[in-house]
Amino acid sequence: MRDFLRLLTFLRPYRARLAMGIACMVLYALTNTVAISLVQPLMGVMFSSVGAPQVAPATSGPSKSGASPVAPSGAAGAILGQVRMMQHDFEQALLRVPPLKRFERVSLAILVLFLFKNLADYAASFLSVSV
């Protein structure tokens, strides 16, 4: 254990680069997850018929059994609330527009997301090698 702690002292000048590299890796993982989740709306727009009724997004009301879901409290509840609010805004921007406009917006979102994903991958690789 002492040898490991002694080796960590050599890492001290590179702490900022290492922290930035880890942050870029986390950003890459998040954007990769979001990119996968954007495939479903794109396929829905591409393969839906023009005259078909649009499906409304699911609401977060009480479940079929009548019991309301337990919401986490504290920081986890605040984060979950922010995620739900962003999801609602995203659904409003995509579901309340004509199909061609929806296709345009989803395609643009995918392109911007892949730009950020690849920039984060490049930065994480660069910063990891420099440490």
Protein backbone atom coordinates (compact mmCIF):
# COMPACT_ATOMS: atom_id res chain seq x y z
CA MET A 1 0.00 0.00 0.00
CA ARG A 2 2.86 2.36 0.76
CA ASP A 3 4.31 1.73 -2.68
CA PHE A 4 1.02 2.63 -4.32
CA LEU A 5 0.73 5.86 -2.32
CA ARG A 6 4.30 6.69 -3.21
CA LEU A 7 3.51 6.19 -6.90
CA LEU A 8 0.54 8.54 -6.60
CA THR A 9 2.90 11.36 -5.65
CA PHE A 10 4.26 11.26 -9.20
CA LEU A 11 0.74 11.89 -10.48
CA ARG A 12 0.42 15.18 -8.59
CA PRO A 13 1.57 17.50 -11.45
CA TYR A 14 -0.96 15.87 -13.80
CA ARG A 15 -4.05 16.08 -11.57
CA ALA A 16 -5.83 18.70 -13.69
CA ARG A 17 -5.26 16.80 -16.93
CA LEU A 18 -6.38 13.56 -15.36
CA ALA A 19 -9.55 15.17 -13.97
CA MET A 20 -10.34 16.75 -17.35
CA GLY A 21 -9.73 13.43 -19.08
CA ILE A 22 -12.11 11.64 -16.71
CA ALA A 23 -14.72 14.39 -17.22
CA CYS A 24 -14.42 13.95 -21.00
CA MET A 25 -14.83 10.19 -20.60
CA VAL A 26 -18.02 10.73 -18.60
CA LEU A 27 -19.29 13.17 -21.23
CA TYR A 28 -18.53 10.60 -23.94
CA ALA A 29 -20.44 7.91 -22.05
CA LEU A 30 -23.45 10.20 -21.56
CA THR A 31 -23.58 11.32 -25.18
CA ASN A 32 -23.20 7.72 -26.34
CA THR A 33 -26.22 6.76 -24.24
CA VAL A 34 -28.29 9.67 -25.54
CA ALA A 35 -27.30 8.86 -29.13
CA ILE A 36 -28.66 5.36 -28.73
CA SER A 37 -31.90 6.70 -27.28
CA LEU A 38 -32.35 9.07 -30.25
CA VAL A 39 -32.58 6.19 -32.69
CA GLN A 40 -36.15 5.34 -31.62
CA PRO A 41 -37.65 8.79 -32.40
CA LEU A 42 -35.82 8.83 -35.75
CA MET A 43 -37.21 5.42 -36.70
CA GLY A 44 -40.66 6.48 -35.53
CA VAL A 45 -40.59 9.50 -37.82
CA MET A 46 -39.19 7.58 -40.77
CA PHE A 47 -41.60 4.66 -40.67
CA SER A 48 -44.83 6.29 -39.51
CA SER A 49 -47.55 6.77 -42.08
CA VAL A 50 -48.57 10.33 -42.92
CA GLY A 51 -52.22 10.06 -41.91
CA ALA A 52 -51.67 7.98 -38.78
CA PRO A 53 -52.65 9.54 -35.46
CA GLN A 54 -49.76 10.62 -33.30
CA VAL A 55 -49.28 8.81 -30.01
CA ALA A 56 -49.24 11.10 -26.98
CA PRO A 57 -46.31 10.70 -24.58
CA ALA A 58 -46.91 8.79 -21.38
CA THR A 59 -47.72 10.88 -18.35
CA SER A 60 -46.24 10.31 -14.93
CA GLY A 61 -49.58 9.96 -13.16
CA PRO A 62 -50.69 7.21 -10.83
CA SER A 63 -50.15 3.66 -11.98
CA LYS A 64 -52.94 1.25 -12.95
CA SER A 65 -53.06 -0.13 -9.45
CA GLY A 66 -53.99 3.31 -8.14
CA ALA A 67 -50.83 3.77 -6.08
CA SER A 68 -48.59 6.65 -7.00
CA PRO A 69 -44.92 5.86 -7.59
CA VAL A 70 -42.52 6.73 -4.79
CA ALA A 71 -40.40 9.74 -5.75
CA PRO A 72 -36.89 9.98 -4.33
CA SER A 73 -36.17 12.93 -2.10
CA GLY A 74 -33.14 15.17 -1.71
CA ALA A 75 -30.54 15.53 -4.45
CA ALA A 76 -31.72 12.41 -6.30
CA GLY A 77 -35.26 13.80 -6.46
CA ALA A 78 -34.01 17.15 -7.76
CA ILE A 79 -31.93 15.47 -10.46
CA LEU A 80 -34.84 13.22 -11.42
CA GLY A 81 -37.11 16.27 -11.63
CA GLN A 82 -34.65 18.03 -13.93
CA VAL A 83 -34.37 14.95 -16.14
CA ARG A 84 -38.16 14.67 -16.39
CA MET A 85 -38.45 18.37 -17.22
CA MET A 86 -35.82 18.04 -19.98
CA GLN A 87 -37.58 14.94 -21.30
CA HIS A 88 -40.89 16.82 -21.37
CA ASP A 89 -39.31 19.75 -23.24
CA PHE A 90 -37.70 17.34 -25.70
CA GLU A 91 -41.02 15.59 -26.32
CA GLN A 92 -42.78 18.94 -26.81
CA ALA A 93 -40.19 20.01 -29.37
CA LEU A 94 -40.55 16.74 -31.30
CA LEU A 95 -44.13 15.55 -30.94
CA ARG A 96 -46.05 18.78 -31.49
CA VAL A 97 -44.67 19.51 -34.97
CA PRO A 98 -45.33 18.08 -38.46
CA PRO A 99 -43.43 14.88 -39.38
CA LEU A 100 -41.01 16.54 -41.80
CA LYS A 101 -40.05 19.18 -39.22
CA ARG A 102 -39.71 16.43 -36.60
CA PHE A 103 -37.39 14.47 -38.91
CA GLU A 104 -35.31 17.61 -39.44
CA ARG A 105 -35.02 18.29 -35.70
CA VAL A 106 -34.13 14.71 -34.76
CA SER A 107 -31.52 14.53 -37.53
CA LEU A 108 -29.97 17.81 -36.41
CA ALA A 109 -29.96 16.66 -32.78
CA ILE A 110 -28.17 13.46 -33.78
CA LEU A 111 -25.54 15.37 -35.75
CA VAL A 112 -24.87 17.82 -32.90
CA LEU A 113 -24.77 14.97 -30.41
CA PHE A 114 -22.24 13.04 -32.49
CA LEU A 115 -20.12 16.17 -32.77
CA PHE A 116 -19.99 16.51 -28.97
CA LYS A 117 -19.47 12.78 -28.54
CA ASN A 118 -16.48 12.68 -30.88
CA LEU A 119 -14.97 15.86 -29.43
CA ALA A 120 -15.21 14.33 -25.96
CA ASP A 121 -13.64 11.11 -27.22
CA TYR A 122 -10.76 13.00 -28.83
CA ALA A 123 -10.18 15.15 -25.74
CA ALA A 124 -10.29 12.13 -23.42
CA SER A 125 -7.78 10.27 -25.59
CA PHE A 126 -5.49 13.27 -25.86
CA LEU A 127 -5.57 14.01 -22.14
CA SER A 128 -5.09 10.35 -21.19
CA VAL A 129 -2.02 9.98 -23.39
CA SER A 130 -0.50 13.22 -22.08
CA VAL A 131 -0.68 11.93 -18.49
